[in-house]
Protein backbone atom coordinates (compact mmCIF):
# COMPACT_ATOMS: atom_id res chain seq x y z
CA MET A 1 -18.11 17.10 -0.67
CA GLN A 2 -14.50 15.41 -1.08
CA PHE A 3 -13.34 11.71 -1.80
CA ILE A 4 -10.04 13.19 0.27
CA ASP A 5 -9.92 16.59 1.92
CA LEU A 6 -6.25 17.48 1.20
CA LYS A 7 -7.00 21.14 1.45
CA GLN A 8 -9.08 20.70 4.74
CA GLN A 9 -6.14 19.25 6.53
CA TYR A 10 -3.86 22.01 4.79
CA SER A 11 -5.94 24.43 6.67
CA ILE A 12 -5.64 23.20 9.83
CA ILE A 13 -1.63 22.50 9.95
CA LYS A 14 -0.43 25.47 7.35
CA PRO A 15 1.43 27.41 9.95
CA GLN A 16 3.38 24.58 10.35
CA ILE A 17 3.47 23.32 7.05
CA ASP A 18 4.99 26.68 5.66
CA LEU A 19 7.33 26.84 8.34
CA ALA A 20 8.43 24.03 7.87
CA ILE A 21 8.90 24.61 3.94
CA ASN A 22 10.38 27.88 4.06
CA LYS A 23 13.34 26.30 6.76
CA VAL A 24 14.27 24.35 3.87
CA LEU A 25 14.14 27.02 1.47
CA ASN A 26 16.30 28.56 4.04
CA HIS A 27 18.89 26.29 4.67
CA GLY A 28 18.83 24.95 0.75
CA GLN A 29 19.32 21.46 1.36
CA TYR A 30 17.03 20.06 -1.57
CA ILE A 31 18.76 16.29 -1.84
CA HIS A 32 19.24 14.20 1.79
CA GLY A 33 18.84 17.50 3.64
CA PRO A 34 18.51 16.88 7.66
CA GLU A 35 14.39 16.36 7.44
CA VAL A 36 15.40 13.31 5.59
CA PHE A 37 17.31 11.60 8.26
CA GLU A 38 15.02 12.92 10.87
CA LEU A 39 12.32 11.35 9.57
CA GLU A 40 13.26 8.36 8.49
CA ALA A 41 14.22 8.08 13.19
CA GLU A 42 10.71 9.17 13.32
CA LEU A 43 8.97 6.63 10.68
CA ALA A 44 11.19 3.54 12.01
CA VAL A 45 10.11 4.13 15.49
CA TYR A 46 6.77 4.28 14.77
CA ALA A 47 6.53 1.26 12.56
CA GLY A 48 9.18 -0.78 14.99
CA THR A 49 11.55 -1.65 13.23
CA LYS A 50 16.12 -0.74 13.27
CA TYR A 51 15.59 0.62 9.89
CA CYS A 52 14.22 2.74 7.58
CA VAL A 53 15.25 4.09 4.02
CA THR A 54 13.14 6.49 2.78
CA CYS A 55 12.81 7.01 -1.13
CA ALA A 56 11.04 8.46 -4.38
CA SER A 57 7.50 6.37 -4.29
CA GLY A 58 5.91 3.18 -2.90
CA THR A 59 6.84 1.91 -6.75
CA ASP A 60 10.67 2.74 -5.91
CA ALA A 61 9.87 0.88 -2.30
CA LEU A 62 8.97 -2.11 -4.09
CA LEU A 63 11.62 -2.00 -6.80
CA MET A 64 14.83 -1.21 -4.23
CA SER A 65 13.37 -4.10 -2.12
CA LEU A 66 13.63 -6.56 -5.01
CA LEU A 67 16.52 -5.08 -6.38
CA ALA A 68 17.89 -5.62 -2.14
CA LYS A 69 17.31 -9.06 -2.59
CA GLY A 70 18.68 -10.15 -5.69
CA ILE A 71 15.74 -11.22 -7.77
CA GLY A 72 15.77 -11.13 -11.61
CA ARG A 73 15.29 -13.84 -14.88
CA GLY A 74 14.62 -17.34 -13.34
CA ASP A 75 12.72 -15.88 -10.35
CA ALA A 76 8.94 -16.69 -9.34
CA VAL A 77 7.28 -13.85 -6.88
CA PHE A 78 3.77 -14.61 -5.72
CA THR A 79 1.38 -11.52 -5.43
CA THR A 80 -2.45 -11.20 -5.41
CA PRO A 81 -4.20 -9.90 -8.43
CA PHE A 82 -6.22 -7.28 -6.95
CA THR A 83 -4.53 -4.03 -6.69
CA PHE A 84 -2.70 -1.02 -8.43
CA ILE A 85 -0.36 -2.26 -11.09
CA ALA A 86 2.43 -1.14 -9.49
CA THR A 87 2.85 -4.04 -7.11
CA ALA A 88 3.01 -6.58 -9.85
CA GLU A 89 4.65 -4.13 -12.41
CA VAL A 90 8.04 -3.85 -10.55
CA ILE A 91 8.66 -7.78 -10.58
CA GLN A 92 8.21 -7.85 -14.73
CA LEU A 93 10.56 -4.78 -15.05
CA LEU A 94 13.10 -7.09 -12.92
CA GLY A 95 13.09 -10.17 -15.87
CA ALA A 96 11.30 -11.84 -12.88
CA THR A 97 7.79 -13.33 -13.43
CA PRO A 98 4.39 -12.43 -11.20
CA ILE A 99 2.53 -15.40 -10.13
CA PHE A 100 -0.54 -14.14 -9.21
CA VAL A 101 -2.70 -15.72 -6.17
CA ASP A 102 -6.51 -15.83 -5.92
CA ILE A 103 -7.52 -13.38 -2.33
CA LEU A 104 -9.70 -13.75 0.05
CA ASP A 105 -13.72 -12.87 -0.44
CA ASP A 106 -13.63 -10.85 2.84
CA THR A 107 -10.40 -9.48 3.63
CA PHE A 108 -9.61 -8.90 -0.06
CA ASN A 109 -6.50 -9.82 1.11
CA ILE A 110 -3.86 -12.78 -0.47
CA ASP A 111 -5.26 -16.41 0.26
CA PRO A 112 -2.45 -17.91 2.11
CA GLU A 113 -4.08 -21.72 1.45
CA LYS A 114 -3.93 -20.48 -2.30
CA LEU A 115 -0.60 -19.14 -1.64
CA GLU A 116 0.58 -22.14 -0.79
CA ILE A 117 -0.98 -24.11 -3.14
CA ALA A 118 0.59 -21.59 -5.90
CA ILE A 119 4.26 -22.17 -4.83
CA GLN A 120 4.16 -26.01 -4.64
CA ILE A 121 3.01 -26.14 -8.15
CA CYS A 122 5.64 -23.98 -9.09
CA ASN A 123 8.00 -26.63 -7.61
CA SER A 124 6.52 -29.27 -9.48
CA LYS A 125 7.09 -27.38 -12.68
CA GLY A 126 10.79 -26.28 -12.31
CA LYS A 127 10.39 -23.62 -14.78
CA LEU A 128 10.84 -20.71 -12.26
CA ILE A 129 12.95 -20.33 -8.75
CA PRO A 130 10.33 -19.45 -5.81
CA ARG A 131 11.87 -16.41 -4.24
CA ALA A 132 9.48 -14.27 -2.76
CA VAL A 133 5.79 -12.92 -1.76
CA ILE A 134 4.29 -9.62 -1.81
CA PRO A 135 1.40 -9.66 -0.24
CA VAL A 136 -0.87 -5.94 -0.59
CA ASP A 137 -2.42 -4.96 2.52
CA ILE A 138 -5.44 -3.85 0.46
CA PHE A 139 -7.22 -0.38 1.35
CA GLY A 140 -5.41 -0.39 4.63
CA LEU A 141 -5.70 -3.99 5.98
CA PRO A 142 -2.89 -5.80 6.78
CA ALA A 143 -3.09 -9.65 5.47
CA ASP A 144 -2.66 -12.92 7.46
CA TYR A 145 1.30 -12.44 7.91
CA LYS A 146 1.01 -15.26 10.66
CA MET A 147 0.12 -17.80 7.71
CA ILE A 148 1.78 -15.69 5.03
CA GLU A 149 5.23 -15.54 7.48
CA GLU A 150 5.11 -19.59 8.16
CA ILE A 151 4.74 -20.02 4.77
CA GLY A 152 7.56 -18.01 3.59
CA ASP A 153 9.37 -19.96 5.84
CA LYS A 154 8.38 -23.15 5.18
CA PHE A 155 9.45 -22.53 1.11
CA ASP A 156 12.58 -20.14 2.16
CA LEU A 157 11.03 -17.46 0.19
CA CYS A 158 11.52 -13.70 1.13
CA ILE A 159 8.68 -12.08 2.43
CA ILE A 160 8.46 -8.10 1.23
CA GLU A 161 4.95 -6.58 2.60
CA ASP A 162 3.27 -4.10 0.57
CA ALA A 163 2.11 -1.31 2.88
CA ALA A 164 1.97 1.65 0.33
CA GLN A 165 -2.16 1.89 1.77
CA SER A 166 -1.50 0.13 5.52
CA PHE A 167 0.72 2.97 7.02
CA GLY A 168 -0.64 2.83 10.63
CA GLY A 169 -2.50 -0.51 10.17
CA ARG A 170 -2.00 -2.91 12.83
CA ILE A 171 -2.28 -6.97 13.45
CA LYS A 172 -2.36 -6.15 17.47
CA ASN A 173 0.35 -4.81 18.88
CA LYS A 174 2.91 -5.09 15.65
CA LYS A 175 2.22 -2.12 12.82
CA ALA A 176 2.05 -2.59 9.40
CA CYS A 177 5.46 -2.68 7.58
CA SER A 178 7.01 -4.83 10.10
CA PHE A 179 5.89 -7.78 8.46
CA GLY A 180 8.07 -10.43 6.91
CA ASP A 181 11.65 -9.23 5.95
CA ILE A 182 11.23 -5.97 4.49
CA GLY A 183 7.90 -3.79 4.42
CA THR A 184 7.38 -0.92 1.66
CA THR A 185 4.55 1.86 1.76
CA SER A 186 3.68 4.62 0.11
CA PHE A 187 3.74 8.63 0.76
CA PHE A 188 1.36 10.31 -2.11
CA PRO A 189 -1.01 12.43 -1.46
CA ALA A 190 -3.97 10.32 -1.25
CA LYS A 191 -2.79 7.74 1.62
CA PRO A 192 -3.39 7.91 5.32
CA LEU A 193 -0.16 9.99 5.82
CA GLY A 194 0.76 11.56 2.55
CA GLY A 195 3.12 14.31 1.40
CA TYR A 196 2.46 17.16 -1.43
CA GLY A 197 3.86 15.06 -3.87
CA ASP A 198 5.57 11.40 -4.47
CA GLY A 199 7.62 9.43 -1.69
CA GLY A 200 8.03 6.13 0.06
CA ALA A 201 9.66 3.98 2.78
CA ILE A 202 11.36 1.17 3.00
CA PHE A 203 11.56 -0.92 6.62
CA THR A 204 13.41 -4.20 7.43
CA ASN A 205 15.62 -5.16 10.92
CA ASP A 206 18.00 -6.38 8.97
CA SER A 207 21.47 -3.86 8.79
CA GLU A 208 22.41 -5.65 5.33
CA ILE A 209 19.52 -5.37 3.20
CA ALA A 210 19.44 -1.73 5.01
CA GLU A 211 22.73 -0.74 3.36
CA LYS A 212 21.94 -2.08 0.11
CA LEU A 213 19.03 -0.10 -0.03
CA ILE A 214 20.64 2.99 1.36
CA SER A 215 23.23 2.60 -2.07
CA ILE A 216 20.82 1.38 -4.61
CA ARG A 217 18.22 4.30 -3.74
CA ASN A 218 21.44 6.53 -5.02
CA HIS A 219 22.67 4.84 -8.47
CA GLY A 220 24.29 2.01 -6.44
CA GLN A 221 26.65 4.38 -4.59
CA GLY A 222 29.73 2.96 -2.94
CA LYS A 223 32.33 4.90 -0.87
CA SER A 224 31.96 8.41 -2.85
CA LYS A 225 29.66 9.69 -5.48
CA TYR A 226 31.65 8.34 -8.10
CA ASP A 227 32.45 4.80 -6.58
CA ASN A 228 29.11 2.66 -7.98
CA ILE A 229 29.37 -0.61 -6.45
CA ARG A 230 25.84 -1.64 -8.23
CA ILE A 231 23.09 -1.24 -10.39
CA GLY A 232 20.88 1.38 -8.46
CA LEU A 233 18.55 4.36 -9.74
CA ASN A 234 17.84 7.71 -8.31
CA GLY A 235 15.47 7.07 -5.78
CA ARG A 236 15.50 9.63 -3.18
CA LEU A 237 13.04 11.16 -1.61
CA ASP A 238 13.78 15.46 -1.51
CA THR A 239 13.66 17.29 1.69
CA LEU A 240 10.42 19.42 0.85
CA GLN A 241 8.45 15.85 1.04
CA ALA A 242 10.21 14.93 4.14
CA ALA A 243 9.68 18.06 6.19
CA ILE A 244 5.78 18.17 5.05
CA LEU A 245 5.50 14.48 6.30
CA LEU A 246 7.04 15.12 9.71
CA GLU A 247 4.87 17.71 10.32
CA LYS A 248 2.04 15.38 8.90
CA MET A 249 3.43 13.04 11.30
CA LYS A 250 2.19 14.92 14.52
CA ILE A 251 -1.79 14.44 13.25
CA PHE A 252 -1.21 11.42 12.22
CA PRO A 253 -2.30 9.31 15.11
CA LYS A 254 -5.50 11.33 15.56
CA GLU A 255 -6.38 11.25 11.99
CA LEU A 256 -6.06 7.56 11.84
CA GLY A 257 -8.56 7.58 15.17
CA GLN A 258 -10.87 9.55 13.08
CA ARG A 259 -10.81 7.42 10.07
CA ASN A 260 -11.29 3.88 12.25
CA ALA A 261 -14.24 6.19 14.15
CA ILE A 262 -15.66 6.99 10.43
CA ALA A 263 -15.38 3.54 8.56
CA LYS A 264 -16.90 2.04 12.51
CA LYS A 265 -20.13 4.56 11.77
CA TYR A 266 -20.47 3.20 7.87
CA SER A 267 -20.44 -0.31 8.64
CA GLN A 268 -23.21 -0.05 11.15
CA ASN A 269 -24.94 1.56 8.62
CA LEU A 270 -24.32 -0.32 5.83
CA ASN A 271 -23.99 -3.93 6.29
CA GLN A 272 -27.10 -5.04 6.07
CA TYR A 273 -27.09 -3.87 2.87
CA PHE A 274 -23.89 -4.55 1.42
CA THR A 275 -21.10 -6.76 1.77
CA CYS A 276 -18.53 -4.36 3.81
CA GLN A 277 -15.14 -5.21 4.22
CA HIS A 278 -14.08 -8.13 7.15
CA VAL A 279 -11.63 -6.59 9.78
CA PRO A 280 -10.79 -9.69 11.89
CA GLU A 281 -10.43 -9.47 15.72
CA GLY A 282 -6.88 -7.98 16.62
CA TYR A 283 -6.12 -6.23 13.59
CA GLU A 284 -7.05 -2.31 12.76
CA SER A 285 -7.10 -1.02 8.67
CA ALA A 286 -5.54 2.52 8.31
CA TRP A 287 -8.58 2.65 5.86
CA ALA A 288 -6.94 3.91 2.69
CA GLN A 289 -10.30 3.83 1.22
CA TYR A 290 -13.69 3.02 2.51
CA SER A 291 -15.00 -0.02 0.15
CA VAL A 292 -18.71 -1.89 -0.15
CA LEU A 293 -19.56 -4.94 -2.35
CA ALA A 294 -22.75 -4.41 -4.14
CA ALA A 295 -24.89 -7.75 -4.74
CA SER A 296 -23.94 -7.13 -8.91
CA THR A 297 -22.81 -4.84 -11.40
CA LYS A 298 -25.82 -4.05 -12.51
CA GLN A 299 -26.45 -2.49 -8.57
CA ARG A 300 -23.01 -0.99 -8.50
CA SER A 301 -23.85 0.89 -11.18
CA ILE A 302 -27.36 2.49 -9.53
CA CYS A 303 -25.39 3.21 -6.33
CA MET A 304 -22.64 5.05 -8.28
CA LYS A 305 -24.76 7.13 -10.34
CA LYS A 306 -27.11 8.36 -7.18
CA LEU A 307 -24.10 9.12 -5.54
CA ARG A 308 -23.05 11.29 -8.33
CA ASP A 309 -26.38 12.83 -8.90
CA ALA A 310 -26.30 14.19 -5.24
CA GLU A 311 -22.49 15.37 -6.01
CA ILE A 312 -20.87 12.59 -3.86
CA PRO A 313 -17.63 11.39 -5.09
CA THR A 314 -17.06 7.73 -5.59
CA ALA A 315 -14.33 5.49 -7.38
CA ILE A 316 -13.82 1.68 -8.21
CA TYR A 317 -10.51 0.28 -6.45
CA TYR A 318 -9.90 -2.22 -8.81
CA PRO A 319 -12.19 -2.14 -11.94
CA LYS A 320 -9.88 -5.17 -13.67
CA PRO A 321 -7.46 -7.58 -11.86
CA LEU A 322 -3.90 -7.45 -12.87
CA HIS A 323 -4.42 -11.40 -14.65
CA LEU A 324 -6.75 -9.44 -17.13
CA GLN A 325 -4.41 -6.47 -17.72
CA GLY A 326 -2.96 -6.20 -21.41
CA ALA A 327 0.68 -5.45 -19.66
CA PHE A 328 0.47 -8.96 -18.63
CA ASN A 329 -0.40 -10.63 -21.49
CA ASP A 330 2.50 -12.63 -21.84
CA LEU A 331 1.91 -14.32 -18.85
CA ASN A 332 -1.35 -16.12 -20.10
CA TYR A 333 -3.46 -15.59 -17.31
CA SER A 334 -7.51 -15.60 -18.91
CA ALA A 335 -10.76 -14.79 -17.38
CA GLY A 336 -11.95 -17.27 -14.42
CA ASP A 337 -8.41 -18.17 -13.27
CA PHE A 338 -9.06 -15.93 -9.89
CA THR A 339 -13.16 -16.04 -9.55
CA VAL A 340 -12.77 -14.29 -6.50
CA ALA A 341 -10.68 -11.05 -7.75
CA GLU A 342 -12.42 -10.98 -10.67
CA SER A 343 -16.15 -11.60 -9.11
CA ILE A 344 -15.03 -8.43 -6.08
CA SER A 345 -13.82 -6.12 -9.64
CA GLN A 346 -16.68 -6.23 -11.21
CA ARG A 347 -19.05 -5.21 -7.91
CA ILE A 348 -17.25 -3.18 -5.23
CA PHE A 349 -17.01 0.48 -5.28
CA SER A 350 -15.39 2.98 -2.75
CA LEU A 351 -16.53 6.00 -0.95
CA PRO A 352 -15.27 9.07 0.46
CA MET A 353 -12.77 8.42 3.15
CA HIS A 354 -11.06 11.52 5.04
CA PRO A 355 -10.98 12.07 8.71
CA TYR A 356 -12.35 15.23 7.96
CA LEU A 357 -16.43 13.41 7.14
CA SER A 358 -18.57 14.48 9.62
CA ASP A 359 -21.55 12.77 10.75
CA ASP A 360 -24.00 14.90 8.45
CA ASN A 361 -21.79 13.94 5.33
CA ILE A 362 -21.56 9.66 6.35
CA SER A 363 -25.83 9.67 7.45
CA GLU A 364 -25.66 11.97 3.79
CA ILE A 365 -23.82 9.20 2.00
CA CYS A 366 -25.87 6.25 3.61
CA ASP A 367 -29.40 7.42 3.56
CA ILE A 368 -28.41 8.16 -0.28
CA LEU A 369 -27.30 4.25 -0.73
CA ILE A 370 -29.99 2.63 1.20
CA SER A 371 -32.89 4.35 -0.24
């Protein structure tokens, strides 16, 4: 059994993938070939935004978004400590300061009430200028954007949605990547829509932001290759990845439905024994991961050992919150600052999740966990 079964997916669409790759090899436009712009158009339509700008990774998508908004030294950017380091890493790379905000204990997403308090405290200190919020749609579940966008409007903050895990998720009829001012996602192979290498995309309805992003991803280019009007980076998505993603887009809606069906079966079997991630009414997750909370760290260890003994892969997302990572020692956070994130990190573990898990696979996993 695989934690994420990319080989099985490839076996299903192998002829189409191989043909798409060969097409690129034959036309030889490996950088910004026609597939890149075709993909951008399809992604924008899917997400329901006016513009999509592809890039080299989900990390670059976040970095480029901050660059497009001119965020840097002296600025405060609010985000969750319960996520992969990329979310906060890009803030510090630009000289801005990440301010962490604790999470909700049911959805595991950033707590809007605590976000507003953190902004007020930052304003009262007067040392940093609040500029942006980066909510993370953890495990594929969109954050509470109704409240977050109201807070953003109240304090004049840019909202950058980190939808690295949630492409395909939605709140009612509004898709992930379309919330806030800018949405970002990742096409890392393990993501719900993943390539065969790194890749990412940025979504917006603002033509000025889109124009800046196109320049930034190509070394700040202006009218020509050697006309550089701003500081940028080499952030382009290569044509081969775009060709692969175009083919995967064709089966993505079906796979998304399969992910949700699998998550429903997991929850029906396990919610009496573990705390499963709460999906609010009107929300749909992309289920990049399916994670449950054990009652204690000890119970988690026992459960994970039982799975490993049965040769069923498992993982922990995330074993240490960002505010306790050595990379952020200069921010002077300590244990006890974000009790919900810390507690969840000590008890959470993830189960195999991909569209091709069988009912027998799910039953075996659940039977082992509750035995």
